[in-house]
Amino acid sequence: MKKLPEIPKHVRGVLFDYKVVQVERFDDPDMYGDIDCDKGIIRVLKNLEPAIKWQAFLHEFLHACEQEVGLKDLKDKKGDSDVDRLALAMFSLWRRNNWVLPGDGYE
C-alpha cells in the first residue's frame, strides 16, 4: 500500500477554516489531538504513526463539523467514541476505495 501523505496544514470546514498544527506533546499523555474552534486551530501529535495521525486529525475535524452545524454532542457516556467511530469510518472509506487523500498530489 502507498505511504500515507502528511495531514494537511490547513482545512476548510463547513463554515470556517482551520489551521492544523502538529505538536510535540499534550499535558495529558492519552491525548492525540484537540481543537480550539474559537481560534480555528486543530492540534495533532507530531510523532504518531501516519494512520493514527489521520485518525486523530479526522476526529478533531469532526468535532469542528459537530459544532459548526449544531449537531448534538457526539460523545457517548465514556467520552469520544462516537466521533472516533465516524473518523475511522471516513478514513476507511477513503483508503478502501483508493480515493485521493489531501496531500496525495492534488491541491
Protein backbone atom coordinates (compact mmCIF):
# COMPACT_ATOMS: atom_id res chain seq x y z
CA MET A 1 0.00 0.00 0.00
CA LYS A 2 1.14 3.52 -0.81
CA LYS A 3 2.63 5.59 2.01
CA LEU A 4 0.11 7.98 3.57
CA PRO A 5 0.64 11.69 2.97
CA GLU A 6 1.05 14.10 5.85
CA ILE A 7 -2.11 15.56 7.33
CA PRO A 8 -2.97 18.96 5.86
CA LYS A 9 -1.68 22.20 7.38
CA HIS A 10 -5.00 23.92 6.68
CA VAL A 11 -8.51 22.61 6.21
CA ARG A 12 -11.78 24.21 5.18
CA GLY A 13 -14.65 23.23 7.40
CA VAL A 14 -18.36 23.60 6.74
CA LEU A 15 -18.35 27.29 7.66
CA PHE A 16 -14.84 28.12 8.90
CA ASP A 17 -11.21 27.42 8.06
CA TYR A 18 -8.83 25.71 10.49
CA LYS A 19 -5.09 25.81 10.82
CA VAL A 20 -3.68 22.35 11.58
CA VAL A 21 -0.63 22.29 13.84
CA GLN A 22 1.46 19.28 14.77
CA VAL A 23 2.69 19.46 18.37
CA GLU A 24 5.36 17.57 20.29
CA ARG A 25 3.13 16.66 23.25
CA PHE A 26 0.00 17.38 25.25
CA ASP A 27 -0.18 17.71 29.02
CA ASP A 28 -2.44 14.65 29.02
CA PRO A 29 -0.38 11.68 27.71
CA ASP A 30 -3.58 9.97 26.46
CA MET A 31 -4.44 12.83 24.07
CA TYR A 32 -3.61 12.58 20.37
CA GLY A 33 -5.27 15.84 19.34
CA ASP A 34 -7.53 18.71 20.29
CA ILE A 35 -9.39 21.60 18.68
CA ASP A 36 -9.98 25.21 19.58
CA CYS A 37 -12.98 26.15 17.44
CA ASP A 38 -12.91 29.76 18.62
CA LYS A 39 -9.33 30.22 17.37
CA GLY A 40 -9.70 27.90 14.38
CA ILE A 41 -6.83 25.61 15.38
CA ILE A 42 -6.62 21.81 15.26
CA ARG A 43 -3.61 20.32 17.07
CA VAL A 44 -2.37 16.77 16.48
CA LEU A 45 0.60 14.93 17.98
CA LYS A 46 3.54 15.05 15.61
CA ASN A 47 5.15 11.68 16.31
CA LEU A 48 2.18 9.40 15.66
CA GLU A 49 2.16 6.60 13.11
CA PRO A 50 0.58 8.09 9.92
CA ALA A 51 -2.74 6.18 10.09
CA ILE A 52 -3.18 7.12 13.76
CA LYS A 53 -2.31 10.75 12.95
CA TRP A 54 -5.01 10.80 10.23
CA GLN A 55 -7.48 9.23 12.66
CA ALA A 56 -6.68 11.93 15.25
CA PHE A 57 -6.98 14.69 12.62
CA LEU A 58 -10.34 13.41 11.35
CA HIS A 59 -11.56 13.01 14.93
CA GLU A 60 -10.81 16.67 15.69
CA PHE A 61 -12.20 17.84 12.35
CA LEU A 62 -15.46 16.01 13.13
CA HIS A 63 -15.66 17.97 16.39
CA ALA A 64 -15.39 21.14 14.26
CA CYS A 65 -18.20 19.92 11.98
CA GLU A 66 -20.24 18.94 15.02
CA GLN A 67 -20.04 22.50 16.36
CA GLU A 68 -20.44 24.26 13.01
CA VAL A 69 -23.66 22.52 12.02
CA GLY A 70 -25.12 22.30 15.52
CA LEU A 71 -25.12 18.53 15.93
CA LYS A 72 -25.90 17.14 19.32
CA ASP A 73 -22.81 16.15 21.25
CA LEU A 74 -21.32 13.08 19.56
CA LYS A 75 -19.95 11.63 22.78
CA ASP A 76 -21.15 8.52 24.47
CA LYS A 77 -21.04 8.16 28.26
CA LYS A 78 -17.34 7.17 28.11
CA GLY A 79 -16.13 10.13 26.06
CA ASP A 80 -15.47 10.48 22.35
CA SER A 81 -16.15 7.03 20.95
CA ASP A 82 -18.92 8.13 18.56
CA VAL A 83 -16.58 10.69 16.99
CA ASP A 84 -13.83 8.04 16.91
CA ARG A 85 -16.14 5.65 15.06
CA LEU A 86 -17.07 8.31 12.50
CA ALA A 87 -13.42 9.28 11.96
CA LEU A 88 -12.45 5.63 11.48
CA ALA A 89 -15.31 5.16 9.03
CA MET A 90 -14.24 8.22 7.00
CA PHE A 91 -10.59 7.16 6.91
CA SER A 92 -11.52 3.59 5.97
CA LEU A 93 -13.88 4.82 3.24
CA TRP A 94 -11.09 6.85 1.61
CA ARG A 95 -8.49 4.10 1.81
CA ARG A 96 -10.70 1.15 0.82
CA ASN A 97 -11.97 3.00 -2.25
CA ASN A 98 -8.49 4.22 -3.26
CA TRP A 99 -9.69 7.82 -3.09
CA VAL A 100 -7.09 10.56 -3.00
CA LEU A 101 -6.30 11.88 0.45
CA PRO A 102 -5.26 15.52 0.82
CA GLY A 103 -1.55 15.69 0.02
CA ASP A 104 -1.63 12.80 -2.45
CA GLY A 105 -0.70 15.12 -5.31
CA TYR A 106 -3.73 17.33 -5.76
CA GLU A 107 -4.23 20.82 -4.37
